[in-house]
Amino acid sequence: AEDSWHKIYQDLVLPYNQNNITFKYIGIYHRNPKVVVYQYKLEGFDRDWSLTTHNTEAIYTNLPEGKYTLLVRASTN
């Protein structure tokens, strides 16, 4: 199902051969957007959170079949 307002897919099912995916995300801090940093983790695949980054996308390739949930956290300090 897709929430048409913000294009977030819930319960998305892809064929096994569509196993490369890019997630794009953004955190908003109006005072100084350049200070926002992120970490992400794909539950069901990653053991730990990513390193802190200013990058606003997470790229996964050659994912094995399974159920995954993307977690993203943003911080300004």
N, C-alpha and C. Protein backbone atom coordinates (compact mmCIF):
# COMPACT_ATOMS: atom_id res chain seq x y z
N ALA A 1 0.84 -1.18 0.00
CA ALA A 1 0.00 0.00 0.00
C ALA A 1 0.88 1.24 0.00
N GLU A 2 0.48 2.24 -0.73
CA GLU A 2 1.25 3.48 -0.81
C GLU A 2 0.44 4.60 -0.20
N ASP A 3 1.10 5.38 0.65
CA ASP A 3 0.49 6.59 1.17
C ASP A 3 0.80 7.68 0.16
N SER A 4 -0.18 8.14 -0.58
CA SER A 4 0.05 9.04 -1.71
C SER A 4 0.55 10.41 -1.29
N TRP A 5 0.35 10.80 -0.04
CA TRP A 5 0.79 12.13 0.37
C TRP A 5 2.31 12.23 0.41
N HIS A 6 2.98 11.25 0.97
CA HIS A 6 4.43 11.35 1.09
C HIS A 6 5.16 10.16 0.49
N LYS A 7 4.51 9.38 -0.34
CA LYS A 7 5.12 8.31 -1.12
C LYS A 7 5.88 7.30 -0.26
N ILE A 8 5.33 6.94 0.89
CA ILE A 8 5.92 5.90 1.71
C ILE A 8 5.16 4.62 1.45
N TYR A 9 5.91 3.61 1.07
CA TYR A 9 5.31 2.31 0.81
C TYR A 9 5.33 1.48 2.08
N GLN A 10 4.21 0.87 2.39
CA GLN A 10 4.12 -0.03 3.52
C GLN A 10 3.75 -1.40 2.96
N ASP A 11 4.40 -2.43 3.47
CA ASP A 11 4.16 -3.79 3.02
C ASP A 11 4.45 -3.96 1.54
N LEU A 12 5.48 -3.29 1.05
CA LEU A 12 5.90 -3.40 -0.34
C LEU A 12 6.52 -4.78 -0.57
N VAL A 13 6.08 -5.46 -1.60
CA VAL A 13 6.62 -6.77 -1.95
C VAL A 13 7.20 -6.68 -3.35
N LEU A 14 8.48 -7.06 -3.46
CA LEU A 14 9.18 -7.02 -4.75
C LEU A 14 9.56 -8.43 -5.17
N PRO A 15 9.63 -8.70 -6.47
CA PRO A 15 10.12 -9.99 -6.93
C PRO A 15 11.57 -10.20 -6.49
N TYR A 16 11.97 -11.44 -6.35
CA TYR A 16 13.31 -11.76 -5.84
C TYR A 16 14.43 -11.12 -6.66
N ASN A 17 14.19 -10.92 -7.96
CA ASN A 17 15.25 -10.37 -8.82
C ASN A 17 15.30 -8.85 -8.81
N GLN A 18 14.39 -8.21 -8.12
CA GLN A 18 14.45 -6.75 -7.93
C GLN A 18 15.00 -6.51 -6.53
N ASN A 19 16.31 -6.76 -6.38
CA ASN A 19 16.91 -6.77 -5.06
C ASN A 19 17.93 -5.65 -4.86
N ASN A 20 17.90 -4.65 -5.71
CA ASN A 20 18.71 -3.45 -5.54
C ASN A 20 17.76 -2.30 -5.26
N ILE A 21 17.98 -1.60 -4.15
CA ILE A 21 17.03 -0.55 -3.77
C ILE A 21 17.77 0.63 -3.17
N THR A 22 17.28 1.82 -3.47
CA THR A 22 17.82 3.06 -2.91
C THR A 22 16.71 3.74 -2.13
N PHE A 23 16.99 4.05 -0.88
CA PHE A 23 16.06 4.79 -0.03
C PHE A 23 16.57 6.23 0.05
N LYS A 24 15.68 7.19 -0.17
CA LYS A 24 16.03 8.60 -0.03
C LYS A 24 15.21 9.17 1.12
N TYR A 25 15.87 9.97 1.94
CA TYR A 25 15.22 10.52 3.13
C TYR A 25 15.79 11.91 3.39
N ILE A 26 15.10 12.67 4.23
CA ILE A 26 15.57 14.02 4.57
C ILE A 26 15.05 14.38 5.95
N GLY A 27 15.89 15.05 6.71
CA GLY A 27 15.49 15.63 7.98
C GLY A 27 15.52 17.14 7.81
N ILE A 28 14.61 17.83 8.43
CA ILE A 28 14.52 19.27 8.22
C ILE A 28 14.86 20.02 9.51
N TYR A 29 15.80 20.94 9.38
CA TYR A 29 16.17 21.84 10.47
C TYR A 29 16.34 23.21 9.83
N HIS A 30 15.34 24.05 9.96
CA HIS A 30 15.29 25.32 9.23
C HIS A 30 16.41 26.29 9.60
N ARG A 31 16.88 26.26 10.83
CA ARG A 31 17.92 27.20 11.24
C ARG A 31 19.23 26.99 10.51
N ASN A 32 19.59 25.72 10.32
CA ASN A 32 20.86 25.42 9.65
C ASN A 32 20.81 24.00 9.08
N PRO A 33 20.20 23.82 7.91
CA PRO A 33 20.01 22.48 7.36
C PRO A 33 21.30 21.71 7.13
N LYS A 34 22.42 22.40 6.98
CA LYS A 34 23.68 21.72 6.69
C LYS A 34 24.25 20.97 7.89
N VAL A 35 23.72 21.21 9.09
CA VAL A 35 24.25 20.52 10.27
C VAL A 35 23.55 19.19 10.55
N VAL A 36 22.50 18.88 9.82
CA VAL A 36 21.78 17.63 10.05
C VAL A 36 22.63 16.45 9.58
N VAL A 37 22.77 15.46 10.46
CA VAL A 37 23.47 14.23 10.12
C VAL A 37 22.52 13.05 10.34
N TYR A 38 22.84 11.95 9.69
CA TYR A 38 21.94 10.80 9.68
C TYR A 38 22.69 9.51 9.99
N GLN A 39 21.92 8.55 10.46
CA GLN A 39 22.35 7.16 10.53
C GLN A 39 21.15 6.34 10.07
N TYR A 40 21.44 5.22 9.45
CA TYR A 40 20.36 4.34 9.01
C TYR A 40 20.73 2.89 9.27
N LYS A 41 19.69 2.08 9.28
CA LYS A 41 19.87 0.65 9.53
C LYS A 41 18.73 -0.08 8.84
N LEU A 42 19.07 -1.10 8.09
CA LEU A 42 18.05 -1.93 7.46
C LEU A 42 17.86 -3.16 8.34
N GLU A 43 16.78 -3.12 9.14
CA GLU A 43 16.51 -4.25 10.03
C GLU A 43 16.27 -5.50 9.20
N GLY A 44 16.86 -6.58 9.61
CA GLY A 44 16.78 -7.82 8.86
C GLY A 44 18.00 -8.02 7.98
N PHE A 45 18.87 -6.99 7.89
CA PHE A 45 20.08 -7.08 7.07
C PHE A 45 21.30 -6.55 7.81
N ASP A 46 21.23 -5.30 8.28
CA ASP A 46 22.36 -4.68 8.98
C ASP A 46 22.37 -5.08 10.45
N ARG A 47 23.55 -5.34 10.97
CA ARG A 47 23.69 -5.61 12.41
C ARG A 47 23.70 -4.33 13.20
N ASP A 48 24.37 -3.32 12.66
CA ASP A 48 24.57 -2.06 13.38
C ASP A 48 24.09 -0.89 12.53
N TRP A 49 23.99 0.26 13.19
CA TRP A 49 23.67 1.50 12.49
C TRP A 49 24.83 1.89 11.60
N SER A 50 24.55 2.60 10.52
CA SER A 50 25.60 3.11 9.64
C SER A 50 26.44 4.14 10.39
N LEU A 51 27.56 4.49 9.81
CA LEU A 51 28.33 5.61 10.33
C LEU A 51 27.52 6.88 10.12
N THR A 52 27.77 7.90 10.91
CA THR A 52 27.08 9.18 10.76
C THR A 52 27.48 9.80 9.42
N THR A 53 26.49 10.34 8.71
CA THR A 53 26.73 10.89 7.38
C THR A 53 25.81 12.08 7.11
N HIS A 54 26.22 12.92 6.18
CA HIS A 54 25.35 13.99 5.69
C HIS A 54 24.57 13.51 4.46
N ASN A 55 24.91 12.35 3.96
CA ASN A 55 24.24 11.77 2.79
C ASN A 55 22.78 11.50 3.11
N THR A 56 21.89 11.71 2.15
CA THR A 56 20.45 11.52 2.38
C THR A 56 19.89 10.35 1.59
N GLU A 57 20.72 9.33 1.40
CA GLU A 57 20.21 8.11 0.77
C GLU A 57 20.99 6.91 1.27
N ALA A 58 20.31 5.79 1.27
CA ALA A 58 20.92 4.51 1.64
C ALA A 58 20.72 3.58 0.45
N ILE A 59 21.83 3.00 0.00
CA ILE A 59 21.78 2.14 -1.18
C ILE A 59 22.10 0.71 -0.76
N TYR A 60 21.25 -0.21 -1.18
CA TYR A 60 21.46 -1.63 -0.91
C TYR A 60 21.40 -2.38 -2.23
N THR A 61 22.35 -3.27 -2.43
CA THR A 61 22.39 -4.06 -3.66
C THR A 61 22.44 -5.54 -3.31
N ASN A 62 21.89 -6.33 -4.20
CA ASN A 62 21.94 -7.78 -4.08
C ASN A 62 21.40 -8.28 -2.74
N LEU A 63 20.28 -7.72 -2.30
CA LEU A 63 19.68 -8.16 -1.04
C LEU A 63 19.11 -9.57 -1.17
N PRO A 64 19.35 -10.40 -0.18
CA PRO A 64 18.72 -11.71 -0.21
C PRO A 64 17.22 -11.59 0.08
N GLU A 65 16.47 -12.60 -0.29
CA GLU A 65 15.04 -12.62 -0.01
C GLU A 65 14.82 -12.48 1.48
N GLY A 66 13.84 -11.69 1.87
CA GLY A 66 13.55 -11.52 3.29
C GLY A 66 12.64 -10.35 3.54
N LYS A 67 12.39 -10.09 4.82
CA LYS A 67 11.58 -8.96 5.25
C LYS A 67 12.51 -7.94 5.87
N TYR A 68 12.35 -6.68 5.48
CA TYR A 68 13.24 -5.62 5.94
C TYR A 68 12.43 -4.40 6.36
N THR A 69 12.99 -3.65 7.29
CA THR A 69 12.44 -2.36 7.70
C THR A 69 13.59 -1.37 7.77
N LEU A 70 13.45 -0.24 7.08
CA LEU A 70 14.49 0.79 7.12
C LEU A 70 14.23 1.72 8.30
N LEU A 71 15.25 1.91 9.11
CA LEU A 71 15.20 2.85 10.22
C LEU A 71 16.17 3.99 9.90
N VAL A 72 15.76 5.22 10.14
CA VAL A 72 16.61 6.38 9.91
C VAL A 72 16.49 7.28 11.12
N ARG A 73 17.65 7.79 11.56
CA ARG A 73 17.61 8.78 12.63
C ARG A 73 18.44 9.99 12.19
N ALA A 74 17.94 11.16 12.58
CA ALA A 74 18.60 12.41 12.22
C ALA A 74 18.92 13.17 13.49
N SER A 75 20.01 13.92 13.43
CA SER A 75 20.46 14.69 14.58
C SER A 75 21.11 15.98 14.11
N THR A 76 21.11 16.98 14.99
CA THR A 76 21.76 18.24 14.67
C THR A 76 23.01 18.46 15.52
N ASN A 77 23.39 17.49 16.34
CA ASN A 77 24.61 17.67 17.12
C ASN A 77 25.41 16.39 17.19
